[in-house]
N, C-alpha and C. Protein backbone atom coordinates (compact mmCIF):
# COMPACT_ATOMS: atom_id res chain seq x y z
N UNK A 1 0.76 -1.09 -0.04
CA UNK A 1 0.15 0.04 -0.13
C UNK A 1 0.98 1.23 -0.01
N UNK A 2 0.90 2.08 -0.78
CA UNK A 2 1.63 3.25 -0.96
C UNK A 2 0.72 4.40 -0.80
N UNK A 3 1.12 5.26 0.44
CA UNK A 3 0.34 6.50 0.80
C UNK A 3 1.06 7.52 0.65
N UNK A 4 0.75 8.63 -0.22
CA UNK A 4 1.50 9.77 -0.33
C UNK A 4 0.69 11.03 0.11
N UNK A 5 1.21 11.85 0.88
CA UNK A 5 0.71 13.17 1.35
C UNK A 5 1.35 14.16 0.57
N UNK A 6 0.41 14.93 -0.07
CA UNK A 6 1.09 16.12 -0.93
C UNK A 6 0.91 17.57 -0.28
N UNK A 7 1.73 18.13 0.23
CA UNK A 7 1.26 19.48 1.02
C UNK A 7 2.49 20.30 0.92
N UNK A 8 2.47 21.57 0.89
CA UNK A 8 3.42 22.49 0.56
C UNK A 8 4.44 22.83 1.98
N UNK A 9 4.04 22.15 3.02
CA UNK A 9 4.84 22.48 4.40
C UNK A 9 4.06 23.25 5.49
N UNK A 10 2.72 23.31 5.17
CA UNK A 10 1.85 23.97 6.17
C UNK A 10 2.11 23.29 7.34
N UNK A 11 1.73 23.71 8.83
CA UNK A 11 1.68 23.16 9.76
C UNK A 11 0.62 22.05 9.92
N UNK A 12 -0.60 22.33 9.61
CA UNK A 12 -1.55 21.24 9.24
C UNK A 12 -1.24 20.41 8.63
N UNK A 13 -0.36 20.30 7.37
CA UNK A 13 -0.05 19.31 6.64
C UNK A 13 0.89 18.27 7.56
N UNK A 14 1.74 19.08 8.11
CA UNK A 14 2.92 18.69 8.90
C UNK A 14 2.16 17.43 9.99
N UNK A 15 1.39 17.87 10.65
CA UNK A 15 0.67 17.48 11.97
C UNK A 15 -0.17 16.03 11.15
N UNK A 16 -0.65 16.32 10.17
CA UNK A 16 -1.47 15.34 9.31
C UNK A 16 -0.41 14.06 9.11
N UNK A 17 0.78 14.73 8.52
CA UNK A 17 1.67 13.39 8.37
C UNK A 17 2.29 12.78 9.28
N UNK A 18 2.12 13.56 10.37
CA UNK A 18 2.56 12.90 12.00
C UNK A 18 1.40 11.99 12.38
N UNK A 19 0.35 12.24 12.11
CA UNK A 19 -0.72 10.98 12.41
C UNK A 19 -0.92 10.09 11.66
N UNK A 20 -0.59 10.52 10.18
CA UNK A 20 -0.57 9.17 9.33
C UNK A 20 0.62 8.41 9.47
N UNK A 21 1.64 8.53 10.04
CA UNK A 21 2.97 7.53 10.35
C UNK A 21 2.42 6.77 11.42
N UNK A 22 1.77 7.65 12.78
CA UNK A 22 1.21 6.99 14.33
C UNK A 22 -0.04 5.83 13.39
N UNK A 23 -1.15 6.26 12.25
CA UNK A 23 -2.04 5.17 11.94
C UNK A 23 -1.30 4.09 11.05
N UNK A 24 -0.25 4.26 10.44
CA UNK A 24 0.29 3.42 9.68
C UNK A 24 1.38 2.38 10.55
N UNK A 25 1.67 2.95 11.66
CA UNK A 25 2.27 2.21 12.51
C UNK A 25 1.24 1.13 13.10
N UNK A 26 0.42 1.62 13.79
CA UNK A 26 -1.10 1.23 14.46
C UNK A 26 -1.45 -0.09 13.45
N UNK A 27 -1.76 0.05 12.33
CA UNK A 27 -2.40 -0.61 11.49
C UNK A 27 -1.33 -1.51 10.80
N UNK A 28 0.12 -1.55 11.11
CA UNK A 28 1.12 -2.32 10.57
C UNK A 28 1.08 -2.36 9.05
N UNK A 29 1.27 -1.45 8.73
CA UNK A 29 1.36 -1.35 7.13
C UNK A 29 2.65 -0.96 6.93
N UNK A 30 3.19 -2.03 6.10
CA UNK A 30 4.64 -2.25 5.69
C UNK A 30 5.43 -1.20 5.48
N UNK A 31 4.92 -0.11 4.31
CA UNK A 31 5.46 0.77 3.79
C UNK A 31 5.14 2.36 4.71
N UNK A 32 6.22 2.93 4.70
CA UNK A 32 6.01 4.12 5.25
C UNK A 32 5.46 4.96 4.39
N UNK A 33 4.52 5.98 5.25
CA UNK A 33 4.02 7.05 4.21
C UNK A 33 5.04 7.97 3.68
N UNK A 34 4.56 8.88 2.45
CA UNK A 34 5.71 9.65 1.99
C UNK A 34 4.70 10.85 2.29
N UNK A 35 5.85 12.08 2.24
CA UNK A 35 5.48 13.57 2.72
C UNK A 35 5.99 14.21 1.74
N UNK A 36 5.16 14.56 0.47
CA UNK A 36 5.54 15.31 -0.60
C UNK A 36 5.37 16.80 -1.10
N UNK A 37 6.15 17.60 -1.07
CA UNK A 37 6.00 19.28 -1.16
C UNK A 37 5.86 19.65 -2.58
N UNK A 38 6.53 18.76 -3.56
CA UNK A 38 6.37 18.88 -4.95
C UNK A 38 4.95 18.77 -5.59
N UNK A 39 4.08 19.70 -5.77
CA UNK A 39 2.63 19.46 -6.07
C UNK A 39 2.64 19.36 -7.42
N UNK A 40 3.90 19.27 -8.39
CA UNK A 40 3.26 18.99 -9.92
C UNK A 40 2.47 17.68 -10.31
N UNK A 41 2.67 16.47 -9.41
CA UNK A 41 1.86 15.11 -9.67
C UNK A 41 0.67 15.63 -9.62
N UNK A 42 -0.01 16.16 -8.07
CA UNK A 42 -1.41 16.29 -8.40
C UNK A 42 -1.88 17.43 -9.20
N UNK A 43 -1.26 18.27 -9.68
CA UNK A 43 -1.64 19.46 -10.78
C UNK A 43 -1.68 18.78 -11.71
N UNK A 44 -0.78 17.59 -12.09
CA UNK A 44 -0.67 17.05 -13.51
C UNK A 44 -2.15 16.04 -13.63
N UNK A 45 -2.76 15.83 -12.30
CA UNK A 45 -3.93 14.98 -12.46
C UNK A 45 -5.08 15.68 -12.45
N UNK A 46 -4.57 16.95 -12.49
CA UNK A 46 -6.22 17.90 -12.54
C UNK A 46 -6.68 18.22 -10.70
N UNK A 47 -5.72 17.65 -10.13
CA UNK A 47 -6.23 18.15 -8.53
C UNK A 47 -5.53 19.41 -8.35
N UNK A 48 -6.65 20.28 -7.74
CA UNK A 48 -6.34 21.74 -7.03
C UNK A 48 -6.75 21.60 -5.50
N UNK A 49 -5.45 22.01 -4.77
CA UNK A 49 -5.62 21.55 -3.32
C UNK A 49 -4.45 22.14 -2.69
N UNK A 50 -4.52 22.35 -1.28
CA UNK A 50 -3.31 22.43 -0.61
C UNK A 50 -2.73 21.21 -0.07
N UNK A 51 -3.68 20.39 0.25
CA UNK A 51 -3.08 19.06 0.90
C UNK A 51 -4.11 18.02 0.09
N UNK A 52 -3.34 16.81 -0.13
CA UNK A 52 -4.09 16.04 -1.12
C UNK A 52 -3.34 14.56 -0.71
N UNK A 53 -4.33 13.61 -0.37
CA UNK A 53 -3.83 12.49 0.19
C UNK A 53 -3.95 11.34 -1.14
N UNK A 54 -3.08 10.65 -1.51
CA UNK A 54 -3.31 9.55 -2.34
C UNK A 54 -2.98 8.00 -1.88
N UNK A 55 -3.69 7.53 -2.12
CA UNK A 55 -3.63 5.90 -1.39
C UNK A 55 -3.45 5.13 -2.58
N UNK A 56 -2.20 4.34 -2.93
CA UNK A 56 -2.17 3.50 -4.31
C UNK A 56 -2.67 4.54 -5.52
N UNK A 57 -2.67 5.49 -5.73
CA UNK A 57 -2.65 6.32 -6.75
C UNK A 57 -4.16 6.98 -6.72
N UNK A 58 -4.94 6.34 -5.83
CA UNK A 58 -6.23 7.23 -5.87
C UNK A 58 -6.19 8.35 -4.41
N UNK A 59 -7.20 9.45 -4.94
CA UNK A 59 -7.49 10.40 -4.06
C UNK A 59 -8.40 9.73 -2.99
N UNK A 60 -7.52 10.06 -1.88
CA UNK A 60 -8.38 9.55 -0.82
C UNK A 60 -9.33 10.90 -0.03
N UNK A 61 -8.58 11.99 -0.14
CA UNK A 61 -9.33 13.40 0.00
C UNK A 61 -8.03 14.18 -0.03
N UNK A 62 -9.09 15.42 0.02
CA UNK A 62 -8.07 16.86 -0.50
C UNK A 62 -8.68 17.83 0.51
N UNK A 63 -7.54 18.25 1.16
CA UNK A 63 -8.09 19.68 1.91
C UNK A 63 -8.67 19.61 3.31
N UNK A 64 -8.33 18.30 3.96
CA UNK A 64 -9.20 17.89 5.08
C UNK A 64 -8.04 17.13 6.13
N UNK A 65 -8.31 17.45 7.30
CA UNK A 65 -7.23 16.87 7.99
C UNK A 65 -8.02 16.07 9.58
N UNK A 66 -8.13 14.99 8.92
CA UNK A 66 -8.77 14.12 9.85
C UNK A 66 -7.77 13.36 11.07
N UNK A 67 -8.75 13.16 12.11
CA UNK A 67 -7.89 12.67 13.40
C UNK A 67 -7.43 11.26 13.08
N UNK A 68 -6.62 10.65 13.73
CA UNK A 68 -5.61 9.37 13.58
C UNK A 68 -7.41 8.28 13.51
N UNK A 69 -8.32 8.48 14.26
CA UNK A 69 -9.01 7.58 14.30
C UNK A 69 -9.92 7.53 12.60
N UNK A 70 -10.01 8.78 12.33
CA UNK A 70 -10.71 8.87 10.92
C UNK A 70 -9.81 8.44 9.76
N UNK A 71 -8.44 8.35 10.03
CA UNK A 71 -7.56 8.02 9.08
C UNK A 71 -7.64 6.40 9.17
N UNK A 72 -7.45 6.03 9.99
CA UNK A 72 -7.83 4.62 9.94
C UNK A 72 -9.13 4.13 9.15
N UNK A 73 -9.92 4.34 9.49
CA UNK A 73 -11.12 4.10 8.48
C UNK A 73 -11.12 4.49 7.31
N UNK A 74 -10.44 5.83 6.86
CA UNK A 74 -10.13 5.72 5.50
C UNK A 74 -9.20 5.01 4.67
N UNK A 75 -8.47 4.63 5.66
CA UNK A 75 -6.88 3.63 4.85
C UNK A 75 -7.60 2.09 5.07
N UNK A 76 -8.47 2.06 6.08
CA UNK A 76 -8.75 0.54 5.96
C UNK A 76 -9.89 0.24 4.67
N UNK A 77 -10.39 1.38 4.29
CA UNK A 77 -11.43 1.38 3.25
C UNK A 77 -10.38 0.98 1.80
N UNK A 78 -9.32 1.17 1.89
CA UNK A 78 -8.56 1.11 0.77
C UNK A 78 -7.83 -0.45 0.75
N UNK A 79 -7.81 -0.71 1.92
CA UNK A 79 -7.33 -2.24 2.35
C UNK A 79 -8.20 -3.29 1.69
N UNK A 80 -9.48 -3.11 1.20
CA UNK A 80 -10.57 -3.80 1.06
C UNK A 80 -10.64 -4.33 -0.59
């Protein structure tokens, strides 16, 4: 499972990434999430947002900052 968080470095984005790392650890996901500040890929996909989470290349959410529990639900939906 590949988890990529695109964010230009905002404090909310950094906190979200920290929550993602905790979530992945708690869920025993093999691959560490990636924090990417280069927004060229989402823009090339036609996505406009300050914070974009991709899971296995699919958009999980844009411009939201869910809690760890909410992240677990979102990521578990992609595991099915």
